[in-house]
N, C-alpha and C. Protein backbone atom coordinates (compact mmCIF):
# COMPACT_ATOMS: atom_id res chain seq x y z
N UNK A 1 0.73 -1.63 0.08
CA UNK A 1 0.41 -0.25 -0.17
C UNK A 1 0.33 1.65 -0.34
N UNK A 2 0.47 2.32 0.41
CA UNK A 2 0.97 3.47 0.40
C UNK A 2 2.30 3.05 1.19
N UNK A 3 2.17 2.96 2.10
CA UNK A 3 3.09 3.42 3.88
C UNK A 3 3.98 2.72 3.17
N UNK A 4 4.04 0.96 3.13
CA UNK A 4 4.79 0.63 1.86
C UNK A 4 5.77 1.12 1.15
N UNK A 5 4.60 1.97 0.36
CA UNK A 5 5.36 2.89 -1.03
C UNK A 5 6.65 3.90 -0.33
N UNK A 6 6.10 3.73 1.04
CA UNK A 6 7.01 5.49 2.16
C UNK A 6 7.54 4.55 2.34
N UNK A 7 7.83 4.04 2.87
CA UNK A 7 9.02 3.62 3.59
C UNK A 7 10.14 2.98 2.72
N UNK A 8 9.00 2.97 1.53
CA UNK A 8 10.78 2.35 0.40
C UNK A 8 11.07 3.53 0.27
N UNK A 9 10.43 5.01 -0.25
CA UNK A 9 11.24 6.20 -0.75
C UNK A 9 12.31 6.44 0.19
N UNK A 10 12.49 6.61 1.28
CA UNK A 10 13.12 7.26 2.88
C UNK A 10 13.87 6.40 2.95
N UNK A 11 14.00 5.04 2.26
CA UNK A 11 15.23 4.71 2.17
C UNK A 11 16.24 4.92 1.11
N UNK A 12 15.56 5.58 -0.16
CA UNK A 12 15.88 5.92 -1.26
C UNK A 12 16.43 7.39 -1.00
N UNK A 13 15.59 8.31 -0.02
CA UNK A 13 16.31 9.51 0.22
C UNK A 13 17.25 9.61 0.88
N UNK A 14 17.85 9.04 1.38
CA UNK A 14 19.09 9.32 2.40
C UNK A 14 20.17 8.84 1.41
N UNK A 15 20.44 8.42 0.31
CA UNK A 15 21.42 7.78 -0.65
C UNK A 15 21.95 9.40 -0.87
N UNK A 16 23.45 9.01 -1.06
CA UNK A 16 24.14 10.34 -1.87
C UNK A 16 24.34 8.83 -3.14
N UNK A 17 24.89 9.88 -4.01
CA UNK A 17 23.20 11.09 -4.51
C UNK A 17 22.04 10.13 -4.29
N UNK A 18 20.93 11.20 -4.01
CA UNK A 18 19.51 11.55 -4.28
C UNK A 18 20.31 10.46 -5.74
N UNK A 19 18.59 9.82 -5.13
CA UNK A 19 18.02 9.20 -7.22
C UNK A 19 17.16 9.78 -6.87
N UNK A 20 16.54 9.52 -8.27
CA UNK A 20 15.15 10.26 -8.77
C UNK A 20 14.01 9.22 -8.77
N UNK A 21 12.92 9.84 -8.51
CA UNK A 21 12.25 9.51 -9.20
C UNK A 21 11.52 9.35 -9.91
N UNK A 22 11.37 8.23 -10.84
CA UNK A 22 10.46 8.32 -12.37
C UNK A 22 8.83 8.07 -12.16
N UNK A 23 8.38 9.14 -11.84
CA UNK A 23 5.98 7.89 -11.95
C UNK A 23 5.83 7.87 -14.19
N UNK A 24 5.65 6.62 -14.15
CA UNK A 24 5.21 6.10 -15.60
C UNK A 24 3.81 5.93 -15.06
N UNK A 25 2.83 6.36 -15.83
CA UNK A 25 2.13 6.37 -16.26
C UNK A 25 1.07 6.27 -17.29
N UNK A 26 0.52 5.51 -17.46
CA UNK A 26 -0.04 5.48 -18.62
C UNK A 26 -1.78 6.18 -19.21
N UNK A 27 -2.05 6.31 -20.32
CA UNK A 27 -3.17 7.40 -20.55
C UNK A 27 -3.88 7.20 -19.64
N UNK A 28 -4.08 5.72 -18.91
CA UNK A 28 -5.47 5.02 -17.63
C UNK A 28 -4.97 5.35 -16.27
N UNK A 29 -4.18 5.69 -16.25
CA UNK A 29 -3.53 6.43 -14.60
C UNK A 29 -4.22 6.96 -14.43
N UNK A 30 -5.32 7.31 -12.39
CA UNK A 30 -5.94 8.29 -12.30
C UNK A 30 -4.80 8.96 -11.20
N UNK A 31 -5.26 10.27 -11.07
CA UNK A 31 -4.17 11.47 -10.71
C UNK A 31 -4.38 11.68 -10.05
N UNK A 32 -5.46 11.24 -9.09
CA UNK A 32 -5.02 11.38 -7.94
C UNK A 32 -4.01 10.03 -6.92
N UNK A 33 -4.35 8.98 -7.94
CA UNK A 33 -3.31 8.28 -7.24
C UNK A 33 -1.62 8.73 -7.57
N UNK A 34 -1.21 9.52 -9.37
CA UNK A 34 0.07 10.16 -9.31
C UNK A 34 -0.01 11.61 -7.76
N UNK A 35 -1.12 12.01 -7.20
CA UNK A 35 -0.37 13.00 -6.18
C UNK A 35 -0.17 12.07 -5.14
N UNK A 36 -1.01 11.21 -4.83
CA UNK A 36 -0.76 10.77 -4.27
C UNK A 36 0.84 10.39 -3.76
N UNK A 37 1.57 9.90 -4.62
CA UNK A 37 3.09 9.12 -5.07
C UNK A 37 3.59 10.55 -4.84
N UNK A 38 3.39 11.76 -5.25
CA UNK A 38 4.75 12.03 -5.66
C UNK A 38 4.03 13.72 -3.97
N UNK A 39 3.13 13.00 -3.04
CA UNK A 39 3.53 14.13 -1.88
C UNK A 39 3.97 13.03 -1.25
N UNK A 40 4.26 10.96 -1.31
CA UNK A 40 4.96 10.55 -0.76
C UNK A 40 6.74 10.31 -0.61
N UNK A 41 6.57 11.00 -2.15
CA UNK A 41 7.93 11.16 -1.89
C UNK A 41 7.93 12.42 -1.77
N UNK A 42 7.62 13.47 -1.10
CA UNK A 42 8.13 15.08 -0.81
C UNK A 42 8.45 14.67 0.88
N UNK A 43 7.29 13.64 0.98
CA UNK A 43 6.94 13.76 2.56
C UNK A 43 8.33 13.20 3.11
N UNK A 44 9.18 12.32 2.14
CA UNK A 44 10.70 10.87 2.62
C UNK A 44 11.29 11.97 2.24
N UNK A 45 11.25 13.45 1.20
CA UNK A 45 12.59 13.87 1.24
C UNK A 45 13.09 13.58 0.21
N UNK A 46 12.51 13.38 -0.53
CA UNK A 46 12.85 13.29 -2.24
C UNK A 46 12.68 14.43 -3.28
N UNK A 47 14.28 15.09 -3.12
CA UNK A 47 13.41 16.70 -4.17
C UNK A 47 13.88 16.39 -5.63
N UNK A 48 14.12 15.24 -5.93
CA UNK A 48 13.55 14.90 -8.15
C UNK A 48 13.09 14.14 -8.33
N UNK A 49 11.99 14.85 -8.73
CA UNK A 49 10.03 13.56 -9.38
C UNK A 49 10.19 14.25 -10.69
N UNK A 50 10.50 12.58 -11.43
CA UNK A 50 9.76 12.97 -12.84
C UNK A 50 8.25 12.76 -12.58
N UNK A 51 7.46 12.64 -14.52
CA UNK A 51 6.89 11.75 -15.01
C UNK A 51 7.82 11.55 -16.37
N UNK A 52 7.08 10.18 -16.36
CA UNK A 52 7.62 9.52 -17.77
C UNK A 52 6.05 8.59 -17.73
N UNK A 53 5.81 9.83 -19.74
CA UNK A 53 4.45 9.37 -19.76
C UNK A 53 4.48 8.25 -20.81
N UNK A 54 4.25 7.09 -20.65
CA UNK A 54 3.63 6.34 -22.31
C UNK A 54 2.87 6.90 -23.12
N UNK A 55 3.60 6.88 -24.75
CA UNK A 55 1.83 7.11 -25.06
C UNK A 55 1.47 5.74 -25.85
N UNK A 56 0.39 6.19 -26.23
CA UNK A 56 -0.64 4.56 -26.01
C UNK A 56 0.28 3.79 -26.92
N UNK A 57 -0.18 2.58 -27.06
CA UNK A 57 0.50 1.30 -28.28
C UNK A 57 -0.01 1.65 -29.12
N UNK A 58 0.55 1.07 -29.76
CA UNK A 58 0.70 1.94 -31.12
C UNK A 58 -0.28 -0.05 -32.26
N UNK A 59 -1.21 0.11 -33.00
CA UNK A 59 -1.75 -0.28 -33.19
C UNK A 59 -3.28 -0.44 -32.69
């Protein structure tokens, strides 16, 4: 759940150099879920959060 993610992010946040968190989403992802993920990253102390937007599959 969300707390598991938070605990994992806290572990990553203290690494030097701090890794960048990339959130990968497709067209069907709910924005509230992305928002919660960003919030958890910030709470954990992650400073770099990026997005990877998946293009819709061809064919």
